[in-house]
Amino acid sequence: YGELFPWPSATCTNQVRNYYVDWRMFRDVKRRKMAYEYADERLRVNALRKNIILPKELREVADKEIAAFPVDSCPVRIRNRCVLTSRPRGVKRRWRLSRIVFRHLADNNQMSGIQRAMW
């Protein structure tokens, strides 16, 4: 038995099929990667678009360049989600947890340095 399973937890492990909680979180992660990848280029082209000193033709070219970028490269499409439940609303940004999960973990003393208000 020891040769087959050298560590005791090998018999009772669960298979982790996906790294992300659901497809919404996976989609958001893809958007974050895309926004990070195109951030520098997008910043420069937007600066050209919004510069009123430049000729109108040049700004129109910059408009077309921005339109040619992938839609998911826009940082506005990124949504903060809870890392445990993928809930999009009521997320405590500092801990990246939804208010429901945050309260549950705080009530059960599972968050270091966090406790319920007592007076």
PDB file of N, CA and C in Angstrom:
ATOM      1  N   TYR A   1       0.831  -1.201   0.000  1.00  0.00           N
ATOM      2  CA  TYR A   1       0.000   0.000   0.000  1.00  0.00           C
ATOM      3  C   TYR A   1       0.863   1.248   0.000  1.00  0.00           C
ATOM      4  N   GLY A   2       1.946   1.237   0.742  1.00  0.00           N
ATOM      5  CA  GLY A   2       2.839   2.386   0.820  1.00  0.00           C
ATOM      6  C   GLY A   2       3.546   2.673  -0.494  1.00  0.00           C
ATOM      7  N   GLU A   3       3.803   1.615  -1.297  1.00  0.00           N
ATOM      8  CA  GLU A   3       4.483   1.827  -2.574  1.00  0.00           C
ATOM      9  C   GLU A   3       3.543   2.465  -3.602  1.00  0.00           C
ATOM     10  N   LEU A   4       2.273   2.088  -3.536  1.00  0.00           N
ATOM     11  CA  LEU A   4       1.316   2.633  -4.496  1.00  0.00           C
ATOM     12  C   LEU A   4       0.959   4.088  -4.181  1.00  0.00           C
ATOM     13  N   PHE A   5       0.741   4.361  -2.895  1.00  0.00           N
ATOM     14  CA  PHE A   5       0.358   5.700  -2.466  1.00  0.00           C
ATOM     15  C   PHE A   5       1.344   6.186  -1.415  1.00  0.00           C
ATOM     16  N   PRO A   6       2.417   6.841  -1.815  1.00  0.00           N
ATOM     17  CA  PRO A   6       3.442   7.235  -0.853  1.00  0.00           C
ATOM     18  C   PRO A   6       2.972   8.293   0.144  1.00  0.00           C
ATOM     19  N   TRP A   7       1.995   9.090  -0.186  1.00  0.00           N
ATOM     20  CA  TRP A   7       1.493  10.078   0.757  1.00  0.00           C
ATOM     21  C   TRP A   7       0.040   9.747   1.080  1.00  0.00           C
ATOM     22  N   PRO A   8      -0.393   9.981   2.301  1.00  0.00           N
ATOM     23  CA  PRO A   8      -1.719   9.546   2.721  1.00  0.00           C
ATOM     24  C   PRO A   8      -2.864  10.280   2.038  1.00  0.00           C
ATOM     25  N   SER A   9      -2.651  11.498   1.578  1.00  0.00           N
ATOM     26  CA  SER A   9      -3.758  12.238   0.983  1.00  0.00           C
ATOM     27  C   SER A   9      -4.014  11.841  -0.468  1.00  0.00           C
ATOM     28  N   ALA A  10      -3.213  10.953  -1.023  1.00  0.00           N
ATOM     29  CA  ALA A  10      -3.380  10.582  -2.425  1.00  0.00           C
ATOM     30  C   ALA A  10      -4.667   9.814  -2.657  1.00  0.00           C
ATOM     31  N   THR A  11      -5.200   9.179  -1.645  1.00  0.00           N
ATOM     32  CA  THR A  11      -6.405   8.379  -1.829  1.00  0.00           C
ATOM     33  C   THR A  11      -7.671   9.210  -1.797  1.00  0.00           C
ATOM     34  N   CYS A  12      -7.623  10.402  -1.256  1.00  0.00           N
ATOM     35  CA  CYS A  12      -8.852  11.179  -1.081  1.00  0.00           C
ATOM     36  C   CYS A  12      -8.762  12.560  -1.729  1.00  0.00           C
ATOM     37  N   THR A  13      -8.067  12.673  -2.833  1.00  0.00           N
ATOM     38  CA  THR A  13      -7.989  13.966  -3.509  1.00  0.00           C
ATOM     39  C   THR A  13      -9.105  14.073  -4.529  1.00  0.00           C
ATOM     40  N   ASN A  14      -9.578  15.277  -4.723  1.00  0.00           N
ATOM     41  CA  ASN A  14     -10.589  15.544  -5.735  1.00  0.00           C
ATOM     42  C   ASN A  14      -9.912  16.139  -6.954  1.00  0.00           C
ATOM     43  N   GLN A  15     -10.394  15.775  -8.114  1.00  0.00           N
ATOM     44  CA  GLN A  15      -9.816  16.293  -9.335  1.00  0.00           C
ATOM     45  C   GLN A  15     -10.293  17.728  -9.546  1.00  0.00           C
ATOM     46  N   VAL A  16      -9.365  18.604  -9.844  1.00  0.00           N
ATOM     47  CA  VAL A  16      -9.713  19.983 -10.151  1.00  0.00           C
ATOM     48  C   VAL A  16      -9.782  20.095 -11.664  1.00  0.00           C
ATOM     49  N   ARG A  17     -10.983  20.302 -12.170  1.00  0.00           N
ATOM     50  CA  ARG A  17     -11.163  20.322 -13.619  1.00  0.00           C
ATOM     51  C   ARG A  17     -10.791  21.675 -14.219  1.00  0.00           C
ATOM     52  N   ASN A  18     -11.176  22.724 -13.567  1.00  0.00           N
ATOM     53  CA  ASN A  18     -10.913  24.060 -14.096  1.00  0.00           C
ATOM     54  C   ASN A  18     -10.275  24.918 -13.027  1.00  0.00           C
ATOM     55  N   TYR A  19      -9.462  25.836 -13.474  1.00  0.00           N
ATOM     56  CA  TYR A  19      -8.808  26.742 -12.537  1.00  0.00           C
ATOM     57  C   TYR A  19      -9.760  27.850 -12.104  1.00  0.00           C
ATOM     58  N   TYR A  20     -10.657  28.257 -12.991  1.00  0.00           N
ATOM     59  CA  TYR A  20     -11.569  29.354 -12.711  1.00  0.00           C
ATOM     60  C   TYR A  20     -12.918  28.814 -12.254  1.00  0.00           C
ATOM     61  N   VAL A  21     -13.639  29.634 -11.501  1.00  0.00           N
ATOM     62  CA  VAL A  21     -14.909  29.206 -10.920  1.00  0.00           C
ATOM     63  C   VAL A  21     -15.944  28.939 -12.007  1.00  0.00           C
ATOM     64  N   ASP A  22     -16.074  29.830 -12.947  1.00  0.00           N
ATOM     65  CA  ASP A  22     -17.027  29.626 -14.039  1.00  0.00           C
ATOM     66  C   ASP A  22     -16.545  30.355 -15.295  1.00  0.00           C
ATOM     67  N   TRP A  23     -17.326  30.251 -16.335  1.00  0.00           N
ATOM     68  CA  TRP A  23     -16.915  30.806 -17.622  1.00  0.00           C
ATOM     69  C   TRP A  23     -16.861  32.324 -17.591  1.00  0.00           C
ATOM     70  N   ARG A  24     -17.643  32.970 -16.725  1.00  0.00           N
ATOM     71  CA  ARG A  24     -17.608  34.428 -16.646  1.00  0.00           C
ATOM     72  C   ARG A  24     -16.256  34.916 -16.144  1.00  0.00           C
ATOM     73  N   MET A  25     -15.740  34.209 -15.148  1.00  0.00           N
ATOM     74  CA  MET A  25     -14.438  34.588 -14.601  1.00  0.00           C
ATOM     75  C   MET A  25     -13.345  34.355 -15.643  1.00  0.00           C
ATOM     76  N   PHE A  26     -13.439  33.261 -16.376  1.00  0.00           N
ATOM     77  CA  PHE A  26     -12.464  32.973 -17.424  1.00  0.00           C
ATOM     78  C   PHE A  26     -12.496  34.060 -18.494  1.00  0.00           C
ATOM     79  N   ARG A  27     -13.695  34.491 -18.858  1.00  0.00           N
ATOM     80  CA  ARG A  27     -13.844  35.553 -19.854  1.00  0.00           C
ATOM     81  C   ARG A  27     -13.238  36.859 -19.345  1.00  0.00           C
ATOM     82  N   ASP A  28     -13.444  37.161 -18.068  1.00  0.00           N
ATOM     83  CA  ASP A  28     -12.883  38.374 -17.483  1.00  0.00           C
ATOM     84  C   ASP A  28     -11.356  38.312 -17.451  1.00  0.00           C
ATOM     85  N   VAL A  29     -10.805  37.141 -17.161  1.00  0.00           N
ATOM     86  CA  VAL A  29      -9.343  36.987 -17.141  1.00  0.00           C
ATOM     87  C   VAL A  29      -8.774  37.200 -18.542  1.00  0.00           C
ATOM     88  N   LYS A  30      -9.456  36.672 -19.552  1.00  0.00           N
ATOM     89  CA  LYS A  30      -9.005  36.895 -20.928  1.00  0.00           C
ATOM     90  C   LYS A  30      -9.022  38.383 -21.269  1.00  0.00           C
ATOM     91  N   ARG A  31     -10.049  39.077 -20.816  1.00  0.00           N
ATOM     92  CA  ARG A  31     -10.128  40.517 -21.074  1.00  0.00           C
ATOM     93  C   ARG A  31      -9.004  41.269 -20.369  1.00  0.00           C
ATOM     94  N   ARG A  32      -8.676  40.860 -19.149  1.00  0.00           N
ATOM     95  CA  ARG A  32      -7.588  41.506 -18.412  1.00  0.00           C
ATOM     96  C   ARG A  32      -6.255  41.322 -19.134  1.00  0.00           C
ATOM     97  N   LYS A  33      -6.013  40.120 -19.628  1.00  0.00           N
ATOM     98  CA  LYS A  33      -4.768  39.863 -20.362  1.00  0.00           C
ATOM     99  C   LYS A  33      -4.709  40.697 -21.634  1.00  0.00           C
ATOM    100  N   MET A  34      -5.826  40.763 -22.339  1.00  0.00           N
ATOM    101  CA  MET A  34      -5.878  41.521 -23.587  1.00  0.00           C
ATOM    102  C   MET A  34      -5.686  43.015 -23.319  1.00  0.00           C
ATOM    103  N   ALA A  35      -6.314  43.538 -22.282  1.00  0.00           N
ATOM    104  CA  ALA A  35      -6.173  44.958 -21.948  1.00  0.00           C
ATOM    105  C   ALA A  35      -4.736  45.275 -21.558  1.00  0.00           C
ATOM    106  N   TYR A  36      -4.094  44.379 -20.827  1.00  0.00           N
ATOM    107  CA  TYR A  36      -2.696  44.587 -20.434  1.00  0.00           C
ATOM    108  C   TYR A  36      -1.786  44.573 -21.660  1.00  0.00           C
ATOM    109  N   GLU A  37      -2.077  43.678 -22.582  1.00  0.00           N
ATOM    110  CA  GLU A  37      -1.247  43.529 -23.779  1.00  0.00           C
ATOM    111  C   GLU A  37      -1.307  44.772 -24.672  1.00  0.00           C
ATOM    112  N   TYR A  38      -2.481  45.374 -24.798  1.00  0.00           N
ATOM    113  CA  TYR A  38      -2.669  46.509 -25.700  1.00  0.00           C
ATOM    114  C   TYR A  38      -2.640  47.857 -24.989  1.00  0.00           C
ATOM    115  N   ALA A  39      -2.341  47.896 -23.698  1.00  0.00           N
ATOM    116  CA  ALA A  39      -2.462  49.137 -22.920  1.00  0.00           C
ATOM    117  C   ALA A  39      -1.568  50.256 -23.452  1.00  0.00           C
ATOM    118  N   ASP A  40      -0.299  49.969 -23.710  1.00  0.00           N
ATOM    119  CA  ASP A  40       0.627  51.018 -24.166  1.00  0.00           C
ATOM    120  C   ASP A  40       0.219  51.584 -25.522  1.00  0.00           C
ATOM    121  N   GLU A  41      -0.059  50.686 -26.440  1.00  0.00           N
ATOM    122  CA  GLU A  41      -0.435  51.106 -27.790  1.00  0.00           C
ATOM    123  C   GLU A  41      -1.741  51.902 -27.766  1.00  0.00           C
ATOM    124  N   ARG A  42      -2.678  51.429 -26.986  1.00  0.00           N
ATOM    125  CA  ARG A  42      -3.977  52.082 -26.882  1.00  0.00           C
ATOM    126  C   ARG A  42      -3.843  53.491 -26.285  1.00  0.00           C
ATOM    127  N   LEU A  43      -2.970  53.635 -25.301  1.00  0.00           N
ATOM    128  CA  LEU A  43      -2.747  54.937 -24.668  1.00  0.00           C
ATOM    129  C   LEU A  43      -2.192  55.947 -25.676  1.00  0.00           C
ATOM    130  N   ARG A  44      -1.250  55.506 -26.476  1.00  0.00           N
ATOM    131  CA  ARG A  44      -0.640  56.409 -27.467  1.00  0.00           C
ATOM    132  C   ARG A  44      -1.643  56.839 -28.539  1.00  0.00           C
ATOM    133  N   VAL A  45      -2.418  55.877 -29.036  1.00  0.00           N
ATOM    134  CA  VAL A  45      -3.383  56.208 -30.090  1.00  0.00           C
ATOM    135  C   VAL A  45      -4.486  57.112 -29.539  1.00  0.00           C
ATOM    136  N   ASN A  46      -4.915  56.858 -28.314  1.00  0.00           N
ATOM    137  CA  ASN A  46      -5.935  57.721 -27.704  1.00  0.00           C
ATOM    138  C   ASN A  46      -5.411  59.134 -27.498  1.00  0.00           C
ATOM    139  N   ALA A  47      -4.130  59.261 -27.173  1.00  0.00           N
ATOM    140  CA  ALA A  47      -3.544  60.597 -27.022  1.00  0.00           C
ATOM    141  C   ALA A  47      -3.597  61.352 -28.349  1.00  0.00           C
ATOM    142  N   LEU A  48      -3.357  60.654 -29.448  1.00  0.00           N
ATOM    143  CA  LEU A  48      -3.461  61.287 -30.772  1.00  0.00           C
ATOM    144  C   LEU A  48      -4.905  61.678 -31.072  1.00  0.00           C
ATOM    145  N   ARG A  49      -5.839  60.820 -30.728  1.00  0.00           N
ATOM    146  CA  ARG A  49      -7.256  61.085 -31.002  1.00  0.00           C
ATOM    147  C   ARG A  49      -7.754  62.326 -30.277  1.00  0.00           C
ATOM    148  N   LYS A  50      -7.298  62.515 -29.059  1.00  0.00           N
ATOM    149  CA  LYS A  50      -7.849  63.580 -28.214  1.00  0.00           C
ATOM    150  C   LYS A  50      -7.055  64.885 -28.271  1.00  0.00           C
ATOM    151  N   ASN A  51      -5.990  64.907 -29.055  1.00  0.00           N
ATOM    152  CA  ASN A  51      -5.172  66.109 -29.183  1.00  0.00           C
ATOM    153  C   ASN A  51      -5.806  67.028 -30.232  1.00  0.00           C
ATOM    154  N   ILE A  52      -6.365  68.147 -29.779  1.00  0.00           N
ATOM    155  CA  ILE A  52      -7.089  69.026 -30.709  1.00  0.00           C
ATOM    156  C   ILE A  52      -6.152  69.900 -31.537  1.00  0.00           C
ATOM    157  N   ILE A  53      -4.868  69.904 -31.222  1.00  0.00           N
ATOM    158  CA  ILE A  53      -3.901  70.694 -31.989  1.00  0.00           C
ATOM    159  C   ILE A  53      -3.592  70.010 -33.324  1.00  0.00           C
ATOM    160  N   LEU A  54      -3.637  68.696 -33.339  1.00  0.00           N
ATOM    161  CA  LEU A  54      -3.326  67.938 -34.559  1.00  0.00           C
ATOM    162  C   LEU A  54      -4.410  68.140 -35.612  1.00  0.00           C
ATOM    163  N   PRO A  55      -4.055  67.963 -36.891  1.00  0.00           N
ATOM    164  CA  PRO A  55      -5.059  68.097 -37.952  1.00  0.00           C
ATOM    165  C   PRO A  55      -6.146  67.019 -37.840  1.00  0.00           C
ATOM    166  N   LYS A  56      -7.309  67.353 -38.331  1.00  0.00           N
ATOM    167  CA  LYS A  56      -8.465  66.461 -38.227  1.00  0.00           C
ATOM    168  C   LYS A  56      -8.228  65.134 -38.952  1.00  0.00           C
ATOM    169  N   GLU A  57      -7.510  65.157 -40.067  1.00  0.00           N
ATOM    170  CA  GLU A  57      -7.251  63.927 -40.828  1.00  0.00           C
ATOM    171  C   GLU A  57      -6.448  62.926 -39.988  1.00  0.00           C
ATOM    172  N   LEU A  58      -5.462  63.438 -39.267  1.00  0.00           N
ATOM    173  CA  LEU A  58      -4.627  62.573 -38.432  1.00  0.00           C
ATOM    174  C   LEU A  58      -5.441  61.970 -37.284  1.00  0.00           C
ATOM    175  N   ARG A  59      -6.332  62.786 -36.716  1.00  0.00           N
ATOM    176  CA  ARG A  59      -7.177  62.271 -35.636  1.00  0.00           C
ATOM    177  C   ARG A  59      -8.157  61.222 -36.151  1.00  0.00           C
ATOM    178  N   GLU A  60      -8.619  61.382 -37.380  1.00  0.00           N
ATOM    179  CA  GLU A  60      -9.520  60.381 -37.963  1.00  0.00           C
ATOM    180  C   GLU A  60      -8.790  59.061 -38.212  1.00  0.00           C
ATOM    181  N   VAL A  61      -7.524  59.148 -38.602  1.00  0.00           N
ATOM    182  CA  VAL A  61      -6.717  57.931 -38.774  1.00  0.00           C
ATOM    183  C   VAL A  61      -6.560  57.225 -37.429  1.00  0.00           C
ATOM    184  N   ALA A  62      -6.335  58.000 -36.379  1.00  0.00           N
ATOM    185  CA  ALA A  62      -6.214  57.415 -35.040  1.00  0.00           C
ATOM    186  C   ALA A  62      -7.530  56.776 -34.606  1.00  0.00           C
ATOM    187  N   ASP A  63      -8.660  57.388 -34.983  1.00  0.00           N
ATOM    188  CA  ASP A  63      -9.973  56.795 -34.687  1.00  0.00           C
ATOM    189  C   ASP A  63     -10.112  55.427 -35.344  1.00  0.00           C
ATOM    190  N   LYS A  64      -9.664  55.336 -36.585  1.00  0.00           N
ATOM    191  CA  LYS A  64      -9.749  54.051 -37.297  1.00  0.00           C
ATOM    192  C   LYS A  64      -8.826  53.012 -36.674  1.00  0.00           C
ATOM    193  N   GLU A  65      -7.671  53.458 -36.190  1.00  0.00           N
ATOM    194  CA  GLU A  65      -6.747  52.520 -35.533  1.00  0.00           C
ATOM    195  C   GLU A  65      -7.344  51.976 -34.239  1.00  0.00           C
ATOM    196  N   ILE A  66      -7.980  52.847 -33.471  1.00  0.00           N
ATOM    197  CA  ILE A  66      -8.621  52.394 -32.221  1.00  0.00           C
ATOM    198  C   ILE A  66      -9.738  51.406 -32.544  1.00  0.00           C
ATOM    199  N   ALA A  67     -10.486  51.672 -33.598  1.00  0.00           N
ATOM    200  CA  ALA A  67     -11.579  50.774 -33.974  1.00  0.00           C
ATOM    201  C   ALA A  67     -11.053  49.415 -34.426  1.00  0.00           C
ATOM    202  N   ALA A  68      -9.801  49.369 -34.894  1.00  0.00           N
ATOM    203  CA  ALA A  68      -9.223  48.109 -35.367  1.00  0.00           C
ATOM    204  C   ALA A  68      -8.718  47.229 -34.225  1.00  0.00           C
ATOM    205  N   PHE A  69      -8.567  47.795 -33.019  1.00  0.00           N
ATOM    206  CA  PHE A  69      -8.129  46.991 -31.873  1.00  0.00           C
ATOM    207  C   PHE A  69      -9.209  45.976 -31.509  1.00  0.00           C
ATOM    208  N   PRO A  70      -8.820  44.877 -30.867  1.00  0.00           N
ATOM    209  CA  PRO A  70      -9.836  43.928 -30.383  1.00  0.00           C
ATOM    210  C   PRO A  70     -10.754  44.604 -29.364  1.00  0.00           C
ATOM    211  N   VAL A  71     -12.005  44.221 -29.375  1.00  0.00           N
ATOM    212  CA  VAL A  71     -12.985  44.839 -28.484  1.00  0.00           C
ATOM    213  C   VAL A  71     -12.617  44.593 -27.022  1.00  0.00           C
ATOM    214  N   ASP A  72     -12.120  43.403 -26.712  1.00  0.00           N
ATOM    215  CA  ASP A  72     -11.792  43.058 -25.328  1.00  0.00           C
ATOM    216  C   ASP A  72     -10.532  43.745 -24.822  1.00  0.00           C
ATOM    217  N   SER A  73      -9.844  44.496 -25.673  1.00  0.00           N
ATOM    218  CA  SER A  73      -8.645  45.195 -25.208  1.00  0.00           C
ATOM    219  C   SER A  73      -8.988  46.497 -24.486  1.00  0.00           C
ATOM    220  N   CYS A  74     -10.254  46.852 -24.462  1.00  0.00           N
ATOM    221  CA  CYS A  74     -10.691  48.073 -23.789  1.00  0.00           C
ATOM    222  C   CYS A  74     -10.807  47.815 -22.281  1.00  0.00           C
ATOM    223  N   PRO A  75     -10.126  48.607 -21.457  1.00  0.00           N
ATOM    224  CA  PRO A  75     -10.149  48.349 -20.010  1.00  0.00           C
ATOM    225  C   PRO A  75     -11.512  48.573 -19.358  1.00  0.00           C
ATOM    226  N   VAL A  76     -12.433  49.237 -20.043  1.00  0.00           N
ATOM    227  CA  VAL A  76     -13.765  49.462 -19.487  1.00  0.00           C
ATOM    228  C   VAL A  76     -14.532  48.140 -19.351  1.00  0.00           C
ATOM    229  N   ARG A  77     -14.179  47.158 -20.152  1.00  0.00           N
ATOM    230  CA  ARG A  77     -14.894  45.878 -20.138  1.00  0.00           C
ATOM    231  C   ARG A  77     -14.466  44.955 -19.002  1.00  0.00           C
ATOM    232  N   ILE A  78     -13.459  45.359 -18.225  1.00  0.00           N
ATOM    233  CA  ILE A  78     -12.990  44.539 -17.109  1.00  0.00           C
ATOM    234  C   ILE A  78     -13.931  44.734 -15.926  1.00  0.00           C
ATOM    235  N   ARG A  79     -14.271  43.636 -15.272  1.00  0.00           N
ATOM    236  CA  ARG A  79     -15.194  43.667 -14.131  1.00  0.00           C
ATOM    237  C   ARG A  79     -14.538  43.002 -12.930  1.00  0.00           C
ATOM    238  N   ASN A  80     -14.557  43.663 -11.773  1.00  0.00           N
ATOM    239  CA  ASN A  80     -14.024  43.042 -10.565  1.00  0.00           C
ATOM    240  C   ASN A  80     -14.976  41.949 -10.098  1.00  0.00           C
ATOM    241  N   ARG A  81     -14.429  40.753  -9.881  1.00  0.00           N
ATOM    242  CA  ARG A  81     -15.241  39.609  -9.465  1.00  0.00           C
ATOM    243  C   ARG A  81     -14.661  38.969  -8.224  1.00  0.00           C
ATOM    244  N   CYS A  82     -15.523  38.309  -7.463  1.00  0.00           N
ATOM    245  CA  CYS A  82     -15.090  37.552  -6.290  1.00  0.00           C
ATOM    246  C   CYS A  82     -14.282  36.352  -6.772  1.00  0.00           C
ATOM    247  N   VAL A  83     -13.138  36.092  -6.146  1.00  0.00           N
ATOM    248  CA  VAL A  83     -12.286  34.991  -6.592  1.00  0.00           C
ATOM    249  C   VAL A  83     -12.833  33.632  -6.170  1.00  0.00           C
ATOM    250  N   LEU A  84     -13.740  33.590  -5.209  1.00  0.00           N
ATOM    251  CA  LEU A  84     -14.293  32.309  -4.765  1.00  0.00           C
ATOM    252  C   LEU A  84     -15.608  31.967  -5.445  1.00  0.00           C
ATOM    253  N   THR A  85     -16.446  32.973  -5.699  1.00  0.00           N
ATOM    254  CA  THR A  85     -17.769  32.692  -6.252  1.00  0.00           C
ATOM    255  C   THR A  85     -17.998  33.299  -7.629  1.00  0.00           C
ATOM    256  N   SER A  86     -17.137  34.183  -8.067  1.00  0.00           N
ATOM    257  CA  SER A  86     -17.244  34.900  -9.335  1.00  0.00           C
ATOM    258  C   SER A  86     -18.402  35.902  -9.340  1.00  0.00           C
ATOM    259  N   ARG A  87     -18.886  36.274  -8.174  1.00  0.00           N
ATOM    260  CA  ARG A  87     -19.969  37.255  -8.071  1.00  0.00           C
ATOM    261  C   ARG A  87     -19.440  38.626  -8.502  1.00  0.00           C
ATOM    262  N   PRO A  88     -20.176  39.332  -9.402  1.00  0.00           N
ATOM    263  CA  PRO A  88     -19.651  40.584  -9.934  1.00  0.00           C
ATOM    264  C   PRO A  88     -19.955  41.823  -9.097  1.00  0.00           C
ATOM    265  N   ARG A  89     -20.952  41.738  -8.216  1.00  0.00           N
ATOM    266  CA  ARG A  89     -21.344  42.939  -7.474  1.00  0.00           C
ATOM    267  C   ARG A  89     -21.055  42.772  -5.991  1.00  0.00           C
ATOM    268  N   GLY A  90     -20.843  43.878  -5.319  1.00  0.00           N
ATOM    269  CA  GLY A  90     -20.573  43.848  -3.891  1.00  0.00           C
ATOM    270  C   GLY A  90     -19.221  43.246  -3.565  1.00  0.00           C
ATOM    271  N   VAL A  91     -18.223  43.549  -4.388  1.00  0.00           N
ATOM    272  CA  VAL A  91     -16.891  42.970  -4.199  1.00  0.00           C
ATOM    273  C   VAL A  91     -16.034  43.938  -3.388  1.00  0.00           C
ATOM    274  N   LYS A  92     -15.457  43.444  -2.315  1.00  0.00           N
ATOM    275  CA  LYS A  92     -14.501  44.218  -1.528  1.00  0.00           C
ATOM    276  C   LYS A  92     -13.187  44.196  -2.290  1.00  0.00           C
ATOM    277  N   ARG A  93     -12.804  45.313  -2.839  1.00  0.00           N
ATOM    278  CA  ARG A  93     -11.666  45.356  -3.754  1.00  0.00           C
ATOM    279  C   ARG A  93     -10.354  44.912  -3.107  1.00  0.00           C
ATOM    280  N   ARG A  94     -10.141  45.302  -1.852  1.00  0.00           N
ATOM    281  CA  ARG A  94      -8.875  44.992  -1.188  1.00  0.00           C
ATOM    282  C   ARG A  94      -8.660  43.487  -1.037  1.00  0.00           C
ATOM    283  N   TRP A  95      -9.737  42.753  -0.772  1.00  0.00           N
ATOM    284  CA  TRP A  95      -9.617  41.309  -0.559  1.00  0.00           C
ATOM    285  C   TRP A  95     -10.086  40.500  -1.763  1.00  0.00           C
ATOM    286  N   ARG A  96     -10.671  41.147  -2.756  1.00  0.00           N
ATOM    287  CA  ARG A  96     -11.199  40.488  -3.957  1.00  0.00           C
ATOM    288  C   ARG A  96     -12.233  39.422  -3.605  1.00  0.00           C
ATOM    289  N   LEU A  97     -13.060  39.724  -2.604  1.00  0.00           N
ATOM    290  CA  LEU A  97     -14.119  38.817  -2.172  1.00  0.00           C
ATOM    291  C   LEU A  97     -15.449  39.562  -2.196  1.00  0.00           C
ATOM    292  N   SER A  98     -16.532  38.840  -2.466  1.00  0.00           N
ATOM    293  CA  SER A  98     -17.844  39.464  -2.392  1.00  0.00           C
ATOM    294  C   SER A  98     -18.198  39.706  -0.935  1.00  0.00           C
ATOM    295  N   ARG A  99     -19.135  40.593  -0.706  1.00  0.00           N
ATOM    296  CA  ARG A  99     -19.507  40.948   0.663  1.00  0.00           C
ATOM    297  C   ARG A  99     -20.033  39.739   1.424  1.00  0.00           C
ATOM    298  N   ILE A 100     -20.687  38.824   0.725  1.00  0.00           N
ATOM    299  CA  ILE A 100     -21.264  37.642   1.361  1.00  0.00           C
ATOM    300  C   ILE A 100     -20.161  36.702   1.825  1.00  0.00           C
ATOM    301  N   VAL A 101     -19.217  36.408   0.948  1.00  0.00           N
ATOM    302  CA  VAL A 101     -18.103  35.524   1.301  1.00  0.00           C
ATOM    303  C   VAL A 101     -17.227  36.182   2.358  1.00  0.00           C
ATOM    304  N   PHE A 102     -17.010  37.487   2.217  1.00  0.00           N
ATOM    305  CA  PHE A 102     -16.194  38.212   3.190  1.00  0.00           C
ATOM    306  C   PHE A 102     -16.790  38.091   4.587  1.00  0.00           C
ATOM    307  N   ARG A 103     -18.092  38.295   4.694  1.00  0.00           N
ATOM    308  CA  ARG A 103     -18.741  38.219   6.004  1.00  0.00           C
ATOM    309  C   ARG A 103     -18.698  36.802   6.556  1.00  0.00           C
ATOM    310  N   HIS A 104     -18.910  35.830   5.699  1.00  0.00           N
ATOM    311  CA  HIS A 104     -18.868  34.433   6.142  1.00  0.00           C
ATOM    312  C   HIS A 104     -17.481  34.074   6.685  1.00  0.00           C
ATOM    313  N   LEU A 105     -16.445  34.443   5.965  1.00  0.00           N
ATOM    314  CA  LEU A 105     -15.089  34.131   6.416  1.00  0.00           C
ATOM    315  C   LEU A 105     -14.724  34.920   7.673  1.00  0.00           C
ATOM    316  N   ALA A 106     -15.171  36.170   7.753  1.00  0.00           N
ATOM    317  CA  ALA A 106     -14.879  36.972   8.940  1.00  0.00           C
ATOM    318  C   ALA A 106     -15.606  36.417  10.166  1.00  0.00           C
ATOM    319  N   ASP A 107     -16.846  35.958   9.986  1.00  0.00           N
ATOM    320  CA  ASP A 107     -17.609  35.393  11.103  1.00  0.00           C
ATOM    321  C   ASP A 107     -16.969  34.128  11.643  1.00  0.00           C
ATOM    322  N   ASN A 108     -16.369  33.347  10.769  1.00  0.00           N
ATOM    323  CA  ASN A 108     -15.782  32.071  11.177  1.00  0.00           C
ATOM    324  C   ASN A 108     -14.294  32.178  11.498  1.00  0.00           C
ATOM    325  N   ASN A 109     -13.809  33.399  11.664  1.00  0.00           N
ATOM    326  CA  ASN A 109     -12.401  33.627  12.021  1.00  0.00           C
ATOM    327  C   ASN A 109     -11.431  33.009  11.022  1.00  0.00           C
ATOM    328  N   GLN A 110     -11.728  33.087   9.754  1.00  0.00           N
ATOM    329  CA  GLN A 110     -10.861  32.509   8.737  1.00  0.00           C
ATOM    330  C   GLN A 110     -10.074  33.569   7.975  1.00  0.00           C
ATOM    331  N   MET A 111     -10.217  34.822   8.387  1.00  0.00           N
ATOM    332  CA  MET A 111      -9.454  35.889   7.755  1.00  0.00           C
ATOM    333  C   MET A 111      -8.555  36.526   8.799  1.00  0.00           C
ATOM    334  N   SER A 112      -7.288  36.546   8.520  1.00  0.00           N
ATOM    335  CA  SER A 112      -6.317  37.080   9.467  1.00  0.00           C
ATOM    336  C   SER A 112      -6.492  38.590   9.617  1.00  0.00           C
ATOM    337  N   GLY A 113      -6.614  39.049  10.856  1.00  0.00           N
ATOM    338  CA  GLY A 113      -6.710  40.474  11.122  1.00  0.00           C
ATOM    339  C   GLY A 113      -8.090  41.065  10.961  1.00  0.00           C
ATOM    340  N   ILE A 114      -9.091  40.269  10.658  1.00  0.00           N
ATOM    341  CA  ILE A 114     -10.451  40.763  10.462  1.00  0.00           C
ATOM    342  C   ILE A 114     -11.337  40.191  11.562  1.00  0.00           C
ATOM    343  N   GLN A 115     -12.107  41.066  12.201  1.00  0.00           N
ATOM    344  CA  GLN A 115     -13.087  40.571  13.161  1.00  0.00           C
ATOM    345  C   GLN A 115     -14.318  41.456  13.114  1.00  0.00           C
ATOM    346  N   ARG A 116     -15.435  40.922  13.560  1.00  0.00           N
ATOM    347  CA  ARG A 116     -16.682  41.675  13.573  1.00  0.00           C
ATOM    348  C   ARG A 116     -16.570  42.860  14.518  1.00  0.00           C
ATOM    349  N   ALA A 117     -17.295  43.901  14.215  1.00  0.00           N
ATOM    350  CA  ALA A 117     -17.288  45.077  15.083  1.00  0.00           C
ATOM    351  C   ALA A 117     -17.992  44.742  16.396  1.00  0.00           C
ATOM    352  N   MET A 118     -17.321  45.026  17.511  1.00  0.00           N
ATOM    353  CA  MET A 118     -17.900  44.772  18.833  1.00  0.00           C
ATOM    354  C   MET A 118     -17.700  46.010  19.682  1.00  0.00           C
ATOM    355  N   TRP A 119     -18.763  46.455  20.352  1.00  0.00           N
ATOM    356  CA  TRP A 119     -18.641  47.585  21.259  1.00  0.00           C
ATOM    357  C   TRP A 119     -19.608  47.465  22.397  1.00  0.00           C
TER     358      TRP A 119
END
